[in-house]
Amino acid sequence: MTNTREEAEVSKPSSLTKSIGFGASAEFGAHVFKVNIPAGRAGDVIVTEDYGFLAGVDGTPEFETRVILPRSKWGKIADTARKDFNSRLRATKASPSSWKPSINLVDRMLGKELCVLMWASEPASDIQIEAICLKWTLLRPEERWWLYSMTAAQGGLAEDRDRGWRKALYCAFSDIDMVEPNRVRLAKIDQPENFSLFSQ
């Protein structure tokens, strides 16, 4: 698996770089993901990719809605994403964050990883979501980025549910019988060190 130019850009930030939320650049016009969480237990969590100053370049839109997930399902995956992202943010001496009932800003690469987790969880049952969260945590960041790129190319918008790679993510992540203890142990041992700003 080769790294794209975009992935290679994820490196230690300059001392002048300021972030907000989950590692998102605080600079005006930055390319970020926005996670809109409604108050209470009802409603949907909506994730949009905001291209910032890239909007209009080569036909790039201002933003794209990537996934809409019921609040009830979001509650079952939110803590997994929060813990994963915060452990990596702390490793780079960046401030950790938490999900709030409002618009939460997320670094563009972490946002892609979050979409993979949410896409896989869309049609899942409660017990399948447990397996999905486990398998997602065992993936390296670059593996999640690759899955995002493949899925987004053919079905990366909110209305593309149950199509192509979107459906494949659910099938692969939710297969409970494929979670083998020994493979899990080896996967944890094999995590790369200092791969990038947000590697584990």
N, C-alpha and C. Protein backbone atom coordinates (compact mmCIF):
# COMPACT_ATOMS: atom_id res chain seq x y z
N MET A 1 0.85 -1.19 0.00
CA MET A 1 0.00 0.00 0.00
C MET A 1 0.88 1.24 0.00
N THR A 2 0.69 2.13 -0.95
CA THR A 2 1.51 3.32 -1.04
C THR A 2 0.77 4.50 -0.45
N ASN A 3 1.52 5.45 0.05
CA ASN A 3 0.93 6.64 0.62
C ASN A 3 0.69 7.69 -0.46
N THR A 4 -0.43 8.36 -0.40
CA THR A 4 -0.69 9.44 -1.33
C THR A 4 -0.03 10.70 -0.82
N ARG A 5 0.05 11.72 -1.69
CA ARG A 5 0.63 12.99 -1.27
C ARG A 5 -0.14 13.55 -0.09
N GLU A 6 -1.47 13.38 -0.13
CA GLU A 6 -2.31 13.90 0.94
C GLU A 6 -1.97 13.26 2.28
N GLU A 7 -1.73 11.94 2.26
CA GLU A 7 -1.42 11.24 3.49
C GLU A 7 -0.05 11.64 4.00
N ALA A 8 0.88 11.86 3.07
CA ALA A 8 2.23 12.21 3.47
C ALA A 8 2.28 13.56 4.16
N GLU A 9 1.28 14.40 3.89
CA GLU A 9 1.25 15.73 4.48
C GLU A 9 0.90 15.69 5.97
N VAL A 10 0.42 14.56 6.45
CA VAL A 10 0.06 14.45 7.86
C VAL A 10 1.34 14.22 8.64
N SER A 11 1.95 15.28 9.11
CA SER A 11 3.19 15.20 9.84
C SER A 11 3.09 16.11 11.05
N LYS A 12 4.14 16.16 11.82
CA LYS A 12 4.07 16.99 13.02
C LYS A 12 3.82 18.44 12.65
N PRO A 13 2.86 19.08 13.36
CA PRO A 13 2.50 20.44 13.02
C PRO A 13 3.57 21.44 13.42
N SER A 14 3.56 22.57 12.76
CA SER A 14 4.44 23.66 13.14
C SER A 14 4.04 24.16 14.51
N SER A 15 4.98 24.75 15.22
CA SER A 15 4.68 25.27 16.55
C SER A 15 3.68 26.42 16.46
N LEU A 16 3.51 26.97 15.24
CA LEU A 16 2.58 28.08 15.07
C LEU A 16 1.17 27.59 14.73
N THR A 17 1.04 26.30 14.44
CA THR A 17 -0.26 25.75 14.07
C THR A 17 -1.17 25.65 15.28
N LYS A 18 -2.39 26.15 15.14
CA LYS A 18 -3.37 26.05 16.21
C LYS A 18 -4.48 25.12 15.75
N SER A 19 -4.98 24.33 16.69
CA SER A 19 -6.05 23.40 16.34
C SER A 19 -7.25 23.61 17.24
N ILE A 20 -8.37 23.07 16.77
CA ILE A 20 -9.62 23.16 17.51
C ILE A 20 -10.34 21.83 17.37
N GLY A 21 -11.14 21.47 18.36
CA GLY A 21 -11.84 20.20 18.30
C GLY A 21 -10.87 19.04 18.27
N PHE A 22 -11.13 18.07 17.41
CA PHE A 22 -10.25 16.91 17.29
C PHE A 22 -9.17 17.17 16.25
N GLY A 23 -8.20 18.00 16.60
CA GLY A 23 -7.04 18.25 15.76
C GLY A 23 -7.27 19.07 14.52
N ALA A 24 -8.46 19.67 14.35
CA ALA A 24 -8.75 20.46 13.15
C ALA A 24 -8.00 21.78 13.18
N SER A 25 -7.53 22.19 12.03
CA SER A 25 -6.84 23.47 11.95
C SER A 25 -7.80 24.61 12.27
N ALA A 26 -7.33 25.54 13.10
CA ALA A 26 -8.16 26.68 13.48
C ALA A 26 -8.07 27.81 12.46
N GLU A 27 -7.27 27.62 11.43
CA GLU A 27 -7.11 28.68 10.43
C GLU A 27 -8.37 28.80 9.57
N PHE A 28 -8.72 30.00 9.24
CA PHE A 28 -9.89 30.25 8.39
C PHE A 28 -9.68 29.62 7.02
N GLY A 29 -10.70 28.92 6.54
CA GLY A 29 -10.61 28.31 5.22
C GLY A 29 -9.93 26.96 5.21
N ALA A 30 -9.70 26.37 6.39
CA ALA A 30 -9.04 25.06 6.44
C ALA A 30 -9.99 23.96 5.97
N HIS A 31 -9.42 22.91 5.42
CA HIS A 31 -10.16 21.73 4.98
C HIS A 31 -10.39 20.85 6.21
N VAL A 32 -11.65 20.72 6.65
CA VAL A 32 -11.98 19.98 7.87
C VAL A 32 -13.25 19.16 7.68
N PHE A 33 -13.52 18.31 8.64
CA PHE A 33 -14.80 17.63 8.71
C PHE A 33 -15.61 18.23 9.85
N LYS A 34 -16.91 18.31 9.67
CA LYS A 34 -17.80 18.84 10.70
C LYS A 34 -18.79 17.75 11.11
N VAL A 35 -18.83 17.48 12.41
CA VAL A 35 -19.74 16.48 12.95
C VAL A 35 -20.82 17.20 13.74
N ASN A 36 -22.01 17.24 13.16
CA ASN A 36 -23.13 17.97 13.78
C ASN A 36 -23.94 17.01 14.63
N ILE A 37 -23.85 17.17 15.96
CA ILE A 37 -24.53 16.28 16.90
C ILE A 37 -25.71 17.02 17.52
N PRO A 38 -26.93 16.50 17.37
CA PRO A 38 -28.09 17.16 17.96
C PRO A 38 -28.14 16.97 19.47
N ALA A 39 -28.80 17.87 20.15
CA ALA A 39 -28.98 17.72 21.59
C ALA A 39 -29.99 16.60 21.85
N GLY A 40 -29.87 15.94 22.98
CA GLY A 40 -30.81 14.88 23.31
C GLY A 40 -30.47 13.58 22.61
N ARG A 41 -31.38 12.62 22.72
CA ARG A 41 -31.12 11.30 22.17
C ARG A 41 -31.77 11.07 20.81
N ALA A 42 -32.54 12.01 20.34
CA ALA A 42 -33.21 11.86 19.05
C ALA A 42 -32.43 12.58 17.96
N GLY A 43 -32.91 12.44 16.74
CA GLY A 43 -32.28 13.13 15.62
C GLY A 43 -31.13 12.34 15.04
N ASP A 44 -30.45 12.97 14.07
CA ASP A 44 -29.35 12.31 13.35
C ASP A 44 -28.06 13.09 13.53
N VAL A 45 -26.96 12.35 13.54
CA VAL A 45 -25.64 12.95 13.51
C VAL A 45 -25.23 13.07 12.06
N ILE A 46 -24.87 14.26 11.64
CA ILE A 46 -24.56 14.54 10.24
C ILE A 46 -23.09 14.94 10.10
N VAL A 47 -22.39 14.24 9.23
CA VAL A 47 -20.97 14.54 9.01
C VAL A 47 -20.80 15.14 7.62
N THR A 48 -20.19 16.31 7.55
CA THR A 48 -19.92 16.97 6.28
C THR A 48 -18.42 17.22 6.14
N GLU A 49 -17.96 17.13 4.92
CA GLU A 49 -16.57 17.48 4.61
C GLU A 49 -16.58 18.88 4.04
N ASP A 50 -15.97 19.81 4.77
CA ASP A 50 -15.92 21.22 4.38
C ASP A 50 -14.56 21.50 3.75
N TYR A 51 -14.56 21.84 2.46
CA TYR A 51 -13.31 21.99 1.72
C TYR A 51 -12.63 23.35 1.92
N GLY A 52 -13.28 24.26 2.60
CA GLY A 52 -12.65 25.55 2.87
C GLY A 52 -12.23 26.27 1.60
N PHE A 53 -10.99 26.74 1.58
CA PHE A 53 -10.47 27.49 0.43
C PHE A 53 -10.32 26.64 -0.82
N LEU A 54 -10.41 25.31 -0.69
CA LEU A 54 -10.31 24.44 -1.86
C LEU A 54 -11.59 24.46 -2.70
N ALA A 55 -12.68 24.98 -2.11
CA ALA A 55 -13.95 25.04 -2.83
C ALA A 55 -13.79 25.83 -4.13
N GLY A 56 -14.27 25.24 -5.23
CA GLY A 56 -14.19 25.89 -6.53
C GLY A 56 -12.98 25.49 -7.34
N VAL A 57 -11.99 24.89 -6.68
CA VAL A 57 -10.78 24.46 -7.40
C VAL A 57 -11.07 23.14 -8.12
N ASP A 58 -10.93 23.15 -9.43
CA ASP A 58 -11.19 21.95 -10.25
C ASP A 58 -12.57 21.36 -9.96
N GLY A 59 -13.54 22.23 -9.73
CA GLY A 59 -14.91 21.77 -9.52
C GLY A 59 -15.22 21.29 -8.12
N THR A 60 -14.31 21.48 -7.19
CA THR A 60 -14.54 21.04 -5.81
C THR A 60 -15.70 21.83 -5.20
N PRO A 61 -16.68 21.14 -4.60
CA PRO A 61 -17.81 21.85 -3.99
C PRO A 61 -17.41 22.52 -2.67
N GLU A 62 -18.29 23.32 -2.14
CA GLU A 62 -18.02 23.95 -0.85
C GLU A 62 -17.97 22.91 0.26
N PHE A 63 -18.90 21.98 0.21
CA PHE A 63 -18.91 20.89 1.18
C PHE A 63 -19.68 19.70 0.60
N GLU A 64 -19.50 18.53 1.23
CA GLU A 64 -20.25 17.33 0.86
C GLU A 64 -20.71 16.63 2.13
N THR A 65 -21.96 16.20 2.15
CA THR A 65 -22.47 15.46 3.29
C THR A 65 -22.07 14.00 3.11
N ARG A 66 -21.25 13.50 4.01
CA ARG A 66 -20.67 12.17 3.87
C ARG A 66 -21.53 11.07 4.49
N VAL A 67 -22.12 11.34 5.62
CA VAL A 67 -22.89 10.27 6.29
C VAL A 67 -23.89 10.89 7.27
N ILE A 68 -25.05 10.24 7.37
CA ILE A 68 -26.07 10.63 8.35
C ILE A 68 -26.38 9.38 9.16
N LEU A 69 -26.15 9.45 10.46
CA LEU A 69 -26.33 8.28 11.33
C LEU A 69 -27.28 8.62 12.47
N PRO A 70 -28.25 7.75 12.75
CA PRO A 70 -29.16 8.01 13.87
C PRO A 70 -28.39 8.22 15.18
N ARG A 71 -28.89 9.12 16.00
CA ARG A 71 -28.24 9.43 17.28
C ARG A 71 -28.04 8.17 18.11
N SER A 72 -28.98 7.23 18.04
CA SER A 72 -28.89 6.00 18.83
C SER A 72 -27.68 5.17 18.43
N LYS A 73 -27.37 5.11 17.13
CA LYS A 73 -26.19 4.35 16.69
C LYS A 73 -24.91 5.12 16.95
N TRP A 74 -24.97 6.42 16.79
CA TRP A 74 -23.80 7.24 17.08
C TRP A 74 -23.34 7.03 18.52
N GLY A 75 -24.28 6.91 19.43
CA GLY A 75 -23.93 6.72 20.83
C GLY A 75 -23.14 5.46 21.09
N LYS A 76 -23.25 4.49 20.19
CA LYS A 76 -22.55 3.22 20.37
C LYS A 76 -21.14 3.22 19.78
N ILE A 77 -20.82 4.21 18.95
CA ILE A 77 -19.48 4.26 18.35
C ILE A 77 -18.69 5.51 18.76
N ALA A 78 -19.36 6.49 19.32
CA ALA A 78 -18.73 7.78 19.61
C ALA A 78 -17.54 7.64 20.56
N ASP A 79 -17.69 6.83 21.59
CA ASP A 79 -16.62 6.70 22.57
C ASP A 79 -15.39 6.01 21.98
N THR A 80 -15.62 5.05 21.10
CA THR A 80 -14.50 4.37 20.43
C THR A 80 -13.68 5.37 19.63
N ALA A 81 -14.35 6.21 18.85
CA ALA A 81 -13.65 7.21 18.05
C ALA A 81 -12.95 8.23 18.94
N ARG A 82 -13.63 8.68 19.99
CA ARG A 82 -13.06 9.69 20.89
C ARG A 82 -11.76 9.19 21.52
N LYS A 83 -11.78 7.98 22.05
CA LYS A 83 -10.60 7.43 22.72
C LYS A 83 -9.44 7.26 21.73
N ASP A 84 -9.74 6.75 20.54
CA ASP A 84 -8.71 6.55 19.53
C ASP A 84 -8.07 7.87 19.12
N PHE A 85 -8.91 8.84 18.79
CA PHE A 85 -8.39 10.14 18.35
C PHE A 85 -7.62 10.85 19.46
N ASN A 86 -8.13 10.83 20.67
CA ASN A 86 -7.47 11.54 21.76
C ASN A 86 -6.13 10.94 22.14
N SER A 87 -6.02 9.62 22.07
CA SER A 87 -4.73 9.00 22.39
C SER A 87 -3.67 9.45 21.40
N ARG A 88 -4.05 9.63 20.17
CA ARG A 88 -3.10 10.06 19.13
C ARG A 88 -2.83 11.56 19.21
N LEU A 89 -3.83 12.31 19.57
CA LEU A 89 -3.62 13.75 19.75
C LEU A 89 -2.68 14.01 20.92
N ARG A 90 -2.88 13.28 22.01
CA ARG A 90 -2.00 13.46 23.18
C ARG A 90 -0.56 13.09 22.83
N ALA A 91 -0.40 12.08 21.98
CA ALA A 91 0.94 11.64 21.60
C ALA A 91 1.71 12.74 20.86
N THR A 92 1.00 13.65 20.25
CA THR A 92 1.64 14.76 19.53
C THR A 92 1.59 16.05 20.33
N LYS A 93 1.18 15.92 21.62
CA LYS A 93 1.06 17.06 22.53
C LYS A 93 -0.03 18.03 22.10
N ALA A 94 -0.98 17.54 21.31
CA ALA A 94 -2.15 18.34 20.94
C ALA A 94 -3.24 18.12 21.99
N SER A 95 -4.13 19.07 22.13
CA SER A 95 -5.18 18.97 23.14
C SER A 95 -6.23 17.94 22.74
N PRO A 96 -6.66 17.10 23.69
CA PRO A 96 -7.74 16.16 23.41
C PRO A 96 -9.06 16.89 23.35
N SER A 97 -10.10 16.21 22.93
CA SER A 97 -11.40 16.85 22.82
C SER A 97 -12.49 15.86 23.21
N SER A 98 -13.73 16.30 23.15
CA SER A 98 -14.88 15.44 23.43
C SER A 98 -16.01 15.84 22.50
N TRP A 99 -16.94 14.90 22.29
CA TRP A 99 -18.08 15.18 21.42
C TRP A 99 -19.10 16.02 22.17
N LYS A 100 -19.54 17.10 21.54
CA LYS A 100 -20.51 18.00 22.17
C LYS A 100 -21.75 18.11 21.29
N PRO A 101 -22.91 18.37 21.87
CA PRO A 101 -24.13 18.55 21.08
C PRO A 101 -24.10 19.89 20.34
N SER A 102 -23.33 19.93 19.28
CA SER A 102 -23.17 21.12 18.44
C SER A 102 -22.37 20.68 17.23
N ILE A 103 -21.72 21.61 16.56
CA ILE A 103 -20.85 21.26 15.44
C ILE A 103 -19.44 21.05 15.95
N ASN A 104 -18.94 19.83 15.80
CA ASN A 104 -17.60 19.46 16.25
C ASN A 104 -16.66 19.42 15.05
N LEU A 105 -15.53 20.11 15.14
CA LEU A 105 -14.56 20.13 14.05
C LEU A 105 -13.55 18.99 14.23
N VAL A 106 -13.23 18.34 13.10
CA VAL A 106 -12.33 17.19 13.13
C VAL A 106 -11.30 17.35 12.01
N ASP A 107 -10.05 17.06 12.33
CA ASP A 107 -8.99 17.07 11.32
C ASP A 107 -9.42 16.28 10.10
N ARG A 108 -9.01 16.69 8.92
CA ARG A 108 -9.50 16.07 7.69
C ARG A 108 -9.13 14.60 7.56
N MET A 109 -7.99 14.19 8.10
CA MET A 109 -7.62 12.78 8.01
C MET A 109 -8.37 11.95 9.06
N LEU A 110 -8.51 12.50 10.26
CA LEU A 110 -9.31 11.81 11.28
C LEU A 110 -10.77 11.74 10.85
N GLY A 111 -11.22 12.77 10.15
CA GLY A 111 -12.60 12.77 9.66
C GLY A 111 -12.85 11.64 8.67
N LYS A 112 -11.86 11.34 7.87
CA LYS A 112 -11.99 10.22 6.93
C LYS A 112 -12.09 8.90 7.68
N GLU A 113 -11.30 8.77 8.72
CA GLU A 113 -11.36 7.55 9.53
C GLU A 113 -12.72 7.40 10.21
N LEU A 114 -13.25 8.52 10.69
CA LEU A 114 -14.56 8.49 11.34
C LEU A 114 -15.64 8.07 10.35
N CYS A 115 -15.55 8.54 9.12
CA CYS A 115 -16.53 8.15 8.10
C CYS A 115 -16.52 6.64 7.87
N VAL A 116 -15.34 6.04 7.85
CA VAL A 116 -15.24 4.59 7.66
C VAL A 116 -15.99 3.87 8.77
N LEU A 117 -15.79 4.31 10.00
CA LEU A 117 -16.47 3.70 11.15
C LEU A 117 -17.98 3.88 11.05
N MET A 118 -18.42 5.07 10.69
CA MET A 118 -19.85 5.36 10.60
C MET A 118 -20.50 4.64 9.42
N TRP A 119 -19.82 4.60 8.28
CA TRP A 119 -20.37 3.91 7.11
C TRP A 119 -20.59 2.42 7.42
N ALA A 120 -19.61 1.82 8.08
CA ALA A 120 -19.73 0.40 8.40
C ALA A 120 -20.87 0.14 9.39
N SER A 121 -21.19 1.14 10.21
CA SER A 121 -22.19 0.97 11.27
C SER A 121 -23.62 1.25 10.81
N GLU A 122 -23.78 1.84 9.64
CA GLU A 122 -25.12 2.27 9.20
C GLU A 122 -26.19 1.19 9.31
N PRO A 123 -26.01 0.00 8.72
CA PRO A 123 -27.06 -1.01 8.76
C PRO A 123 -26.88 -2.04 9.89
N ALA A 124 -25.91 -1.81 10.78
CA ALA A 124 -25.52 -2.83 11.75
C ALA A 124 -26.45 -2.91 12.96
N SER A 125 -26.52 -4.11 13.53
CA SER A 125 -27.23 -4.33 14.78
C SER A 125 -26.29 -3.94 15.93
N ASP A 126 -26.83 -3.92 17.15
CA ASP A 126 -26.01 -3.54 18.31
C ASP A 126 -24.80 -4.45 18.48
N ILE A 127 -25.00 -5.76 18.36
CA ILE A 127 -23.88 -6.68 18.55
C ILE A 127 -22.88 -6.59 17.40
N GLN A 128 -23.36 -6.28 16.20
CA GLN A 128 -22.46 -6.09 15.07
C GLN A 128 -21.62 -4.82 15.25
N ILE A 129 -22.21 -3.80 15.83
CA ILE A 129 -21.48 -2.55 16.05
C ILE A 129 -20.31 -2.79 16.99
N GLU A 130 -20.46 -3.68 17.95
CA GLU A 130 -19.34 -4.01 18.84
C GLU A 130 -18.19 -4.59 18.04
N ALA A 131 -18.49 -5.48 17.12
CA ALA A 131 -17.44 -6.07 16.27
C ALA A 131 -16.84 -5.02 15.35
N ILE A 132 -17.67 -4.15 14.81
CA ILE A 132 -17.20 -3.09 13.92
C ILE A 132 -16.22 -2.17 14.64
N CYS A 133 -16.56 -1.78 15.85
CA CYS A 133 -15.68 -0.89 16.63
C CYS A 133 -14.34 -1.58 16.91
N LEU A 134 -14.38 -2.85 17.24
CA LEU A 134 -13.15 -3.59 17.52
C LEU A 134 -12.27 -3.66 16.28
N LYS A 135 -12.85 -4.03 15.16
CA LYS A 135 -12.06 -4.16 13.93
C LYS A 135 -11.52 -2.81 13.47
N TRP A 136 -12.30 -1.76 13.64
CA TRP A 136 -11.85 -0.42 13.26
C TRP A 136 -10.65 -0.01 14.09
N THR A 137 -10.66 -0.29 15.39
CA THR A 137 -9.54 0.11 16.25
C THR A 137 -8.27 -0.64 15.89
N LEU A 138 -8.40 -1.83 15.30
CA LEU A 138 -7.23 -2.62 14.96
C LEU A 138 -6.59 -2.21 13.63
N LEU A 139 -7.26 -1.37 12.87
CA LEU A 139 -6.71 -0.89 11.61
C LEU A 139 -5.72 0.24 11.84
N ARG A 140 -4.68 0.27 11.04
CA ARG A 140 -3.75 1.39 11.08
C ARG A 140 -4.41 2.60 10.41
N PRO A 141 -3.98 3.80 10.78
CA PRO A 141 -4.56 4.99 10.15
C PRO A 141 -4.51 4.95 8.64
N GLU A 142 -3.37 4.52 8.07
CA GLU A 142 -3.25 4.52 6.62
C GLU A 142 -4.20 3.50 5.97
N GLU A 143 -4.54 2.44 6.70
CA GLU A 143 -5.50 1.48 6.19
C GLU A 143 -6.90 2.09 6.17
N ARG A 144 -7.22 2.85 7.18
CA ARG A 144 -8.52 3.54 7.21
C ARG A 144 -8.60 4.58 6.10
N TRP A 145 -7.49 5.29 5.85
CA TRP A 145 -7.49 6.29 4.79
C TRP A 145 -7.72 5.63 3.44
N TRP A 146 -7.09 4.48 3.22
CA TRP A 146 -7.26 3.76 1.96
C TRP A 146 -8.71 3.33 1.79
N LEU A 147 -9.32 2.81 2.84
CA LEU A 147 -10.72 2.39 2.78
C LEU A 147 -11.62 3.59 2.49
N TYR A 148 -11.30 4.72 3.08
CA TYR A 148 -12.10 5.93 2.81
C TYR A 148 -12.00 6.30 1.33
N SER A 149 -10.78 6.32 0.81
CA SER A 149 -10.58 6.72 -0.59
C SER A 149 -11.33 5.81 -1.54
N MET A 150 -11.27 4.50 -1.30
CA MET A 150 -11.95 3.54 -2.16
C MET A 150 -13.47 3.72 -2.08
N THR A 151 -13.96 3.93 -0.87
CA THR A 151 -15.41 4.06 -0.68
C THR A 151 -15.92 5.39 -1.23
N ALA A 152 -15.22 6.47 -0.94
CA ALA A 152 -15.65 7.79 -1.38
C ALA A 152 -15.69 7.90 -2.89
N ALA A 153 -14.81 7.16 -3.58
CA ALA A 153 -14.75 7.23 -5.04
C ALA A 153 -16.02 6.68 -5.69
N GLN A 154 -16.69 5.75 -5.01
CA GLN A 154 -17.87 5.12 -5.61
C GLN A 154 -19.15 5.31 -4.82
N GLY A 155 -19.04 5.71 -3.58
CA GLY A 155 -20.25 5.84 -2.77
C GLY A 155 -19.99 6.60 -1.49
N GLY A 156 -19.44 7.80 -1.62
CA GLY A 156 -19.02 8.54 -0.44
C GLY A 156 -19.97 9.61 0.05
N LEU A 157 -21.18 9.66 -0.50
CA LEU A 157 -22.14 10.66 -0.05
C LEU A 157 -23.21 10.00 0.82
N ALA A 158 -23.90 10.80 1.58
CA ALA A 158 -24.88 10.27 2.53
C ALA A 158 -25.93 9.39 1.84
N GLU A 159 -26.32 9.75 0.64
CA GLU A 159 -27.37 9.01 -0.06
C GLU A 159 -26.87 7.72 -0.72
N ASP A 160 -25.58 7.43 -0.61
CA ASP A 160 -25.01 6.25 -1.28
C ASP A 160 -25.00 5.00 -0.41
N ARG A 161 -25.74 5.01 0.67
CA ARG A 161 -25.79 3.87 1.57
C ARG A 161 -26.17 2.58 0.82
N ASP A 162 -25.57 1.46 1.22
CA ASP A 162 -25.85 0.14 0.66
C ASP A 162 -25.35 -0.04 -0.77
N ARG A 163 -24.38 0.78 -1.18
CA ARG A 163 -23.83 0.65 -2.53
C ARG A 163 -22.34 0.35 -2.48
N GLY A 164 -21.90 -0.51 -3.40
CA GLY A 164 -20.48 -0.75 -3.63
C GLY A 164 -19.65 -0.96 -2.37
N TRP A 165 -18.57 -0.16 -2.26
CA TRP A 165 -17.66 -0.28 -1.13
C TRP A 165 -18.35 0.04 0.19
N ARG A 166 -19.38 0.86 0.13
CA ARG A 166 -20.13 1.20 1.34
C ARG A 166 -20.73 -0.06 1.94
N LYS A 167 -21.31 -0.88 1.10
CA LYS A 167 -21.89 -2.15 1.54
C LYS A 167 -20.80 -3.12 1.96
N ALA A 168 -19.68 -3.09 1.24
CA ALA A 168 -18.57 -3.99 1.54
C ALA A 168 -17.97 -3.70 2.92
N LEU A 169 -17.91 -2.43 3.30
CA LEU A 169 -17.39 -2.08 4.62
C LEU A 169 -18.22 -2.74 5.72
N TYR A 170 -19.53 -2.64 5.58
CA TYR A 170 -20.42 -3.25 6.57
C TYR A 170 -20.19 -4.76 6.64
N CYS A 171 -20.14 -5.42 5.49
CA CYS A 171 -19.98 -6.88 5.46
C CYS A 171 -18.66 -7.31 6.10
N ALA A 172 -17.59 -6.59 5.78
CA ALA A 172 -16.27 -6.97 6.29
C ALA A 172 -16.12 -6.69 7.78
N PHE A 173 -16.63 -5.55 8.23
CA PHE A 173 -16.44 -5.15 9.62
C PHE A 173 -17.40 -5.85 10.58
N SER A 174 -18.57 -6.22 10.10
CA SER A 174 -19.60 -6.74 11.00
C SER A 174 -19.59 -8.26 11.13
N ASP A 175 -18.67 -8.93 10.42
CA ASP A 175 -18.61 -10.39 10.49
C ASP A 175 -18.01 -10.79 11.84
N ILE A 176 -18.86 -11.07 12.79
CA ILE A 176 -18.44 -11.35 14.16
C ILE A 176 -17.54 -12.56 14.24
N ASP A 177 -17.82 -13.60 13.44
CA ASP A 177 -17.05 -14.84 13.50
C ASP A 177 -15.60 -14.67 13.06
N MET A 178 -15.31 -13.57 12.38
CA MET A 178 -13.95 -13.36 11.89
C MET A 178 -13.06 -12.63 12.89
N VAL A 179 -13.58 -12.31 14.07
CA VAL A 179 -12.78 -11.66 15.10
C VAL A 179 -12.07 -12.75 15.89
N GLU A 180 -10.84 -13.06 15.51
CA GLU A 180 -10.09 -14.14 16.14
C GLU A 180 -9.12 -13.57 17.17
N PRO A 181 -9.16 -14.06 18.42
CA PRO A 181 -8.31 -13.51 19.49
C PRO A 181 -6.84 -13.43 19.14
N ASN A 182 -6.28 -14.46 18.50
CA ASN A 182 -4.86 -14.45 18.20
C ASN A 182 -4.51 -13.40 17.17
N ARG A 183 -5.38 -13.23 16.17
CA ARG A 183 -5.14 -12.20 15.14
C ARG A 183 -5.24 -10.82 15.77
N VAL A 184 -6.16 -10.65 16.71
CA VAL A 184 -6.31 -9.38 17.40
C VAL A 184 -5.03 -9.04 18.16
N ARG A 185 -4.48 -10.03 18.87
CA ARG A 185 -3.26 -9.81 19.65
C ARG A 185 -2.11 -9.40 18.74
N LEU A 186 -1.94 -10.11 17.63
CA LEU A 186 -0.85 -9.81 16.70
C LEU A 186 -1.03 -8.44 16.06
N ALA A 187 -2.26 -8.08 15.76
CA ALA A 187 -2.51 -6.78 15.13
C ALA A 187 -2.12 -5.65 16.07
N LYS A 188 -2.38 -5.82 17.35
CA LYS A 188 -2.03 -4.78 18.31
C LYS A 188 -0.51 -4.64 18.44
N ILE A 189 0.20 -5.78 18.41
CA ILE A 189 1.64 -5.75 18.53
C ILE A 189 2.28 -5.07 17.33
N ASP A 190 1.66 -5.20 16.16
CA ASP A 190 2.25 -4.76 14.90
C ASP A 190 1.96 -3.31 14.55
N GLN A 191 1.49 -2.51 15.52
CA GLN A 191 1.19 -1.11 15.23
C GLN A 191 2.49 -0.36 14.93
N PRO A 192 2.52 0.49 13.88
CA PRO A 192 3.73 1.25 13.57
C PRO A 192 3.93 2.38 14.57
N GLU A 193 5.17 2.76 14.76
CA GLU A 193 5.47 3.86 15.66
C GLU A 193 5.80 5.11 14.88
N ASN A 194 5.25 6.23 15.34
CA ASN A 194 5.55 7.53 14.73
C ASN A 194 5.30 7.56 13.23
N PHE A 195 4.22 6.87 12.80
CA PHE A 195 3.94 6.88 11.36
C PHE A 195 3.62 8.29 10.87
N SER A 196 2.81 9.01 11.63
CA SER A 196 2.41 10.34 11.23
C SER A 196 1.85 11.06 12.44
N LEU A 197 1.36 12.24 12.22
CA LEU A 197 0.80 13.03 13.30
C LEU A 197 -0.28 12.26 14.04
N PHE A 198 -1.12 11.52 13.31
CA PHE A 198 -2.24 10.86 13.94
C PHE A 198 -2.12 9.35 13.92
N SER A 199 -0.91 8.80 13.80
CA SER A 199 -0.77 7.36 13.91
C SER A 199 -0.78 6.97 15.37
N GLN A 200 -1.15 5.73 15.65
CA GLN A 200 -1.24 5.28 17.04
C GLN A 200 0.11 4.88 17.57
